[in-house]
Amino acid sequence: MAPPVTRFRPWRSLSAFIVILTVLYALVLFTGDSQPYPKLGIDLEGGTQVVLTARTPSGQPATNDQLTLARQIIELRVNGLGVSGAEVVQNGGQLTITVPGNE
């Protein structure tokens, strides 16, 4: 006995693809800034990155406690400006401040 013949229906696959694509596009639209495109990170959008090397008034390298305090103060000031996505990272004896956006 031969197996039953099944018909290939490309419209089912195409309609499933369109539904999935519509759901993904709706997620981008409703979870972002209500813009029809995704929010880009600093690597794609652009922004400003500043690297600060801390020194004491005597010219000596700053201690870890001083760097931590400086990082906390800079974070409060940058976030106080209303910038979202800003990042202040302590890297050895340096502080790296990254602010996304073109403004």
N, C-alpha and C. Protein backbone atom coordinates (compact mmCIF):
# COMPACT_ATOMS: atom_id res chain seq x y z
N MET A 1 0.84 -1.17 0.00
CA MET A 1 0.00 0.00 0.00
C MET A 1 0.90 1.25 0.00
N ALA A 2 0.60 2.19 -0.83
CA ALA A 2 1.40 3.42 -0.97
C ALA A 2 1.03 4.41 0.13
N PRO A 3 2.03 5.17 0.60
CA PRO A 3 1.71 6.17 1.63
C PRO A 3 0.81 7.26 1.05
N PRO A 4 0.03 7.91 1.91
CA PRO A 4 -0.86 8.95 1.40
C PRO A 4 -0.06 10.13 0.84
N VAL A 5 -0.59 10.73 -0.18
CA VAL A 5 0.07 11.85 -0.84
C VAL A 5 -0.27 13.13 -0.08
N THR A 6 0.75 13.82 0.38
CA THR A 6 0.52 15.10 1.07
C THR A 6 0.93 16.22 0.13
N ARG A 7 0.16 17.24 0.16
CA ARG A 7 0.44 18.37 -0.72
C ARG A 7 1.29 19.38 0.04
N PHE A 8 2.27 19.90 -0.64
CA PHE A 8 3.11 20.95 -0.06
C PHE A 8 2.38 22.27 -0.24
N ARG A 9 2.20 22.97 0.86
CA ARG A 9 1.47 24.23 0.82
C ARG A 9 2.42 25.36 1.23
N PRO A 10 3.01 26.04 0.25
CA PRO A 10 3.99 27.09 0.57
C PRO A 10 3.35 28.29 1.27
N TRP A 11 2.05 28.49 1.11
CA TRP A 11 1.40 29.64 1.74
C TRP A 11 1.38 29.51 3.25
N ARG A 12 1.34 28.30 3.76
CA ARG A 12 1.37 28.11 5.21
C ARG A 12 2.72 28.56 5.78
N SER A 13 3.79 28.16 5.14
CA SER A 13 5.13 28.55 5.59
C SER A 13 5.33 30.05 5.45
N LEU A 14 4.87 30.61 4.35
CA LEU A 14 5.02 32.04 4.13
C LEU A 14 4.20 32.85 5.14
N SER A 15 2.98 32.40 5.41
CA SER A 15 2.16 33.13 6.37
C SER A 15 2.73 33.01 7.79
N ALA A 16 3.31 31.87 8.15
CA ALA A 16 3.95 31.73 9.46
C ALA A 16 5.15 32.65 9.56
N PHE A 17 5.92 32.76 8.50
CA PHE A 17 7.08 33.67 8.49
C PHE A 17 6.62 35.12 8.65
N ILE A 18 5.56 35.50 7.97
CA ILE A 18 5.06 36.88 8.07
C ILE A 18 4.54 37.17 9.47
N VAL A 19 3.88 36.22 10.10
CA VAL A 19 3.40 36.40 11.47
C VAL A 19 4.57 36.58 12.43
N ILE A 20 5.59 35.76 12.31
CA ILE A 20 6.77 35.86 13.18
C ILE A 20 7.47 37.19 12.96
N LEU A 21 7.61 37.61 11.71
CA LEU A 21 8.25 38.88 11.40
C LEU A 21 7.44 40.05 11.97
N THR A 22 6.13 39.98 11.89
CA THR A 22 5.27 41.03 12.43
C THR A 22 5.39 41.12 13.95
N VAL A 23 5.45 39.98 14.62
CA VAL A 23 5.61 39.96 16.07
C VAL A 23 6.95 40.57 16.47
N LEU A 24 8.01 40.21 15.79
CA LEU A 24 9.33 40.77 16.10
C LEU A 24 9.37 42.28 15.87
N TYR A 25 8.78 42.74 14.79
CA TYR A 25 8.75 44.17 14.50
C TYR A 25 7.93 44.90 15.56
N ALA A 26 6.82 44.30 16.00
CA ALA A 26 6.00 44.92 17.05
C ALA A 26 6.76 45.00 18.36
N LEU A 27 7.57 43.99 18.67
CA LEU A 27 8.38 44.04 19.89
C LEU A 27 9.38 45.18 19.83
N VAL A 28 10.00 45.39 18.69
CA VAL A 28 10.95 46.50 18.54
C VAL A 28 10.21 47.83 18.70
N LEU A 29 9.05 47.93 18.11
CA LEU A 29 8.29 49.18 18.14
C LEU A 29 7.77 49.50 19.53
N PHE A 30 7.23 48.51 20.25
CA PHE A 30 6.57 48.79 21.53
C PHE A 30 7.50 48.71 22.73
N THR A 31 8.66 48.09 22.62
CA THR A 31 9.55 48.01 23.77
C THR A 31 10.66 49.05 23.72
N GLY A 32 10.84 49.70 22.61
CA GLY A 32 11.88 50.72 22.48
C GLY A 32 11.33 52.10 22.78
N ASP A 33 11.76 53.07 22.02
CA ASP A 33 11.34 54.46 22.19
C ASP A 33 10.15 54.78 21.29
N SER A 34 9.35 53.79 20.95
CA SER A 34 8.21 53.92 20.03
C SER A 34 8.68 54.42 18.67
N GLN A 35 9.86 54.02 18.28
CA GLN A 35 10.41 54.32 16.97
C GLN A 35 10.41 53.03 16.15
N PRO A 36 10.27 53.12 14.84
CA PRO A 36 10.20 51.90 14.03
C PRO A 36 11.56 51.24 13.78
N TYR A 37 12.56 51.61 14.53
CA TYR A 37 13.87 51.00 14.38
C TYR A 37 14.46 50.76 15.78
N PRO A 38 15.33 49.77 15.92
CA PRO A 38 15.87 49.45 17.25
C PRO A 38 16.83 50.52 17.73
N LYS A 39 16.95 50.62 19.05
CA LYS A 39 17.88 51.57 19.65
C LYS A 39 19.29 51.01 19.52
N LEU A 40 20.20 51.79 18.98
CA LEU A 40 21.55 51.33 18.73
C LEU A 40 22.44 51.61 19.92
N GLY A 41 23.45 50.77 20.11
CA GLY A 41 24.43 50.96 21.16
C GLY A 41 25.51 51.92 20.72
N ILE A 42 26.44 52.20 21.62
CA ILE A 42 27.49 53.18 21.32
C ILE A 42 28.38 52.72 20.17
N ASP A 43 28.53 51.42 19.98
CA ASP A 43 29.39 50.94 18.90
C ASP A 43 28.77 51.21 17.53
N LEU A 44 27.45 51.30 17.45
CA LEU A 44 26.79 51.55 16.16
C LEU A 44 26.28 52.98 16.03
N GLU A 45 25.82 53.56 17.13
CA GLU A 45 25.24 54.89 17.09
C GLU A 45 26.30 55.98 17.13
N GLY A 46 27.33 55.73 17.87
CA GLY A 46 28.34 56.75 18.08
C GLY A 46 28.19 57.33 19.47
N GLY A 47 29.10 58.10 19.89
CA GLY A 47 29.05 58.69 21.21
C GLY A 47 30.40 59.24 21.58
N THR A 48 30.57 59.44 22.87
CA THR A 48 31.81 60.02 23.37
C THR A 48 32.42 59.09 24.40
N GLN A 49 33.70 58.89 24.30
CA GLN A 49 34.42 58.09 25.28
C GLN A 49 35.64 58.88 25.73
N VAL A 50 35.75 59.04 27.05
CA VAL A 50 36.83 59.80 27.65
C VAL A 50 37.57 58.90 28.61
N VAL A 51 38.90 58.91 28.55
CA VAL A 51 39.73 58.13 29.46
C VAL A 51 40.50 59.11 30.34
N LEU A 52 40.29 59.02 31.65
CA LEU A 52 40.95 59.89 32.60
C LEU A 52 41.99 59.10 33.38
N THR A 53 43.16 59.65 33.52
CA THR A 53 44.21 59.06 34.35
C THR A 53 44.33 59.91 35.61
N ALA A 54 44.07 59.31 36.74
CA ALA A 54 44.04 60.05 38.00
C ALA A 54 45.44 60.23 38.56
N ARG A 55 45.70 61.43 39.05
CA ARG A 55 46.95 61.76 39.75
C ARG A 55 46.60 62.60 40.97
N THR A 56 47.37 62.44 42.02
CA THR A 56 47.19 63.26 43.21
C THR A 56 47.91 64.60 43.00
N PRO A 57 47.65 65.59 43.85
CA PRO A 57 48.33 66.89 43.70
C PRO A 57 49.87 66.76 43.74
N SER A 58 50.37 65.75 44.43
CA SER A 58 51.82 65.57 44.48
C SER A 58 52.37 64.85 43.25
N GLY A 59 51.50 64.41 42.36
CA GLY A 59 51.94 63.73 41.14
C GLY A 59 51.98 62.22 41.25
N GLN A 60 51.63 61.69 42.40
CA GLN A 60 51.63 60.24 42.61
C GLN A 60 50.34 59.63 42.04
N PRO A 61 50.37 58.35 41.70
CA PRO A 61 49.14 57.68 41.26
C PRO A 61 48.11 57.64 42.39
N ALA A 62 46.86 57.71 42.02
CA ALA A 62 45.78 57.70 43.01
C ALA A 62 45.60 56.30 43.58
N THR A 63 45.10 56.25 44.81
CA THR A 63 44.83 54.96 45.45
C THR A 63 43.52 54.39 44.92
N ASN A 64 43.28 53.13 45.21
CA ASN A 64 42.06 52.47 44.75
C ASN A 64 40.83 53.12 45.38
N ASP A 65 40.91 53.52 46.65
CA ASP A 65 39.78 54.19 47.31
C ASP A 65 39.48 55.53 46.65
N GLN A 66 40.50 56.27 46.29
CA GLN A 66 40.30 57.56 45.63
C GLN A 66 39.68 57.38 44.25
N LEU A 67 40.10 56.35 43.53
CA LEU A 67 39.52 56.08 42.21
C LEU A 67 38.06 55.66 42.32
N THR A 68 37.75 54.85 43.33
CA THR A 68 36.37 54.42 43.53
C THR A 68 35.48 55.62 43.85
N LEU A 69 35.96 56.51 44.71
CA LEU A 69 35.20 57.71 45.05
C LEU A 69 35.02 58.60 43.83
N ALA A 70 36.06 58.77 43.03
CA ALA A 70 35.98 59.58 41.81
C ALA A 70 34.98 58.97 40.83
N ARG A 71 35.00 57.64 40.69
CA ARG A 71 34.05 56.97 39.78
C ARG A 71 32.62 57.20 40.22
N GLN A 72 32.36 57.10 41.54
CA GLN A 72 31.01 57.30 42.05
C GLN A 72 30.55 58.74 41.82
N ILE A 73 31.43 59.71 42.04
CA ILE A 73 31.06 61.11 41.83
C ILE A 73 30.77 61.38 40.36
N ILE A 74 31.62 60.85 39.47
CA ILE A 74 31.41 61.07 38.03
C ILE A 74 30.11 60.40 37.57
N GLU A 75 29.81 59.20 38.08
CA GLU A 75 28.55 58.52 37.73
C GLU A 75 27.36 59.36 38.14
N LEU A 76 27.39 59.92 39.36
CA LEU A 76 26.28 60.75 39.82
C LEU A 76 26.11 61.98 38.94
N ARG A 77 27.20 62.60 38.53
CA ARG A 77 27.12 63.80 37.70
C ARG A 77 26.63 63.48 36.28
N VAL A 78 27.13 62.41 35.71
CA VAL A 78 26.71 62.05 34.35
C VAL A 78 25.24 61.63 34.35
N ASN A 79 24.84 60.82 35.31
CA ASN A 79 23.45 60.39 35.37
C ASN A 79 22.53 61.54 35.78
N GLY A 80 23.05 62.52 36.49
CA GLY A 80 22.27 63.69 36.87
C GLY A 80 21.93 64.56 35.67
N LEU A 81 22.67 64.42 34.59
CA LEU A 81 22.39 65.18 33.37
C LEU A 81 21.24 64.57 32.57
N GLY A 82 20.78 63.40 32.98
CA GLY A 82 19.68 62.75 32.27
C GLY A 82 20.13 61.88 31.12
N VAL A 83 21.40 61.56 31.07
CA VAL A 83 21.92 60.72 29.99
C VAL A 83 21.64 59.27 30.34
N SER A 84 21.01 58.54 29.42
CA SER A 84 20.76 57.12 29.69
C SER A 84 21.80 56.28 28.97
N GLY A 85 22.26 55.25 29.61
CA GLY A 85 23.23 54.36 29.01
C GLY A 85 24.67 54.78 29.23
N ALA A 86 24.89 55.81 30.03
CA ALA A 86 26.26 56.24 30.31
C ALA A 86 26.93 55.20 31.20
N GLU A 87 28.23 55.07 31.03
CA GLU A 87 28.97 54.03 31.75
C GLU A 87 30.29 54.62 32.23
N VAL A 88 30.60 54.42 33.51
CA VAL A 88 31.88 54.84 34.07
C VAL A 88 32.56 53.59 34.60
N VAL A 89 33.73 53.27 34.06
CA VAL A 89 34.43 52.03 34.40
C VAL A 89 35.81 52.36 34.94
N GLN A 90 36.14 51.71 36.04
CA GLN A 90 37.49 51.85 36.61
C GLN A 90 38.36 50.75 36.04
N ASN A 91 39.46 51.15 35.41
CA ASN A 91 40.34 50.19 34.76
C ASN A 91 41.77 50.47 35.22
N GLY A 92 42.18 49.81 36.28
CA GLY A 92 43.51 50.07 36.84
C GLY A 92 43.57 51.46 37.41
N GLY A 93 44.49 52.29 36.93
CA GLY A 93 44.62 53.66 37.38
C GLY A 93 43.89 54.64 36.50
N GLN A 94 42.94 54.18 35.69
CA GLN A 94 42.21 55.04 34.78
C GLN A 94 40.72 54.88 34.98
N LEU A 95 39.98 55.93 34.61
CA LEU A 95 38.52 55.89 34.58
C LEU A 95 38.10 56.12 33.13
N THR A 96 37.25 55.25 32.61
CA THR A 96 36.74 55.37 31.25
C THR A 96 35.28 55.74 31.32
N ILE A 97 34.93 56.88 30.74
CA ILE A 97 33.56 57.38 30.72
C ILE A 97 33.04 57.26 29.29
N THR A 98 31.92 56.53 29.12
CA THR A 98 31.34 56.31 27.82
C THR A 98 29.92 56.86 27.84
N VAL A 99 29.61 57.79 26.93
CA VAL A 99 28.28 58.38 26.83
C VAL A 99 27.78 58.19 25.41
N PRO A 100 26.67 57.45 25.22
CA PRO A 100 26.16 57.23 23.88
C PRO A 100 25.42 58.47 23.36
N GLY A 101 25.28 58.54 22.05
CA GLY A 101 24.51 59.62 21.42
C GLY A 101 25.39 60.61 20.71
N ASN A 102 24.74 61.42 19.88
CA ASN A 102 25.44 62.41 19.09
C ASN A 102 25.27 63.81 19.64
N GLU A 103 24.62 63.95 20.78
CA GLU A 103 24.34 65.28 21.32
C GLU A 103 25.45 65.78 22.19
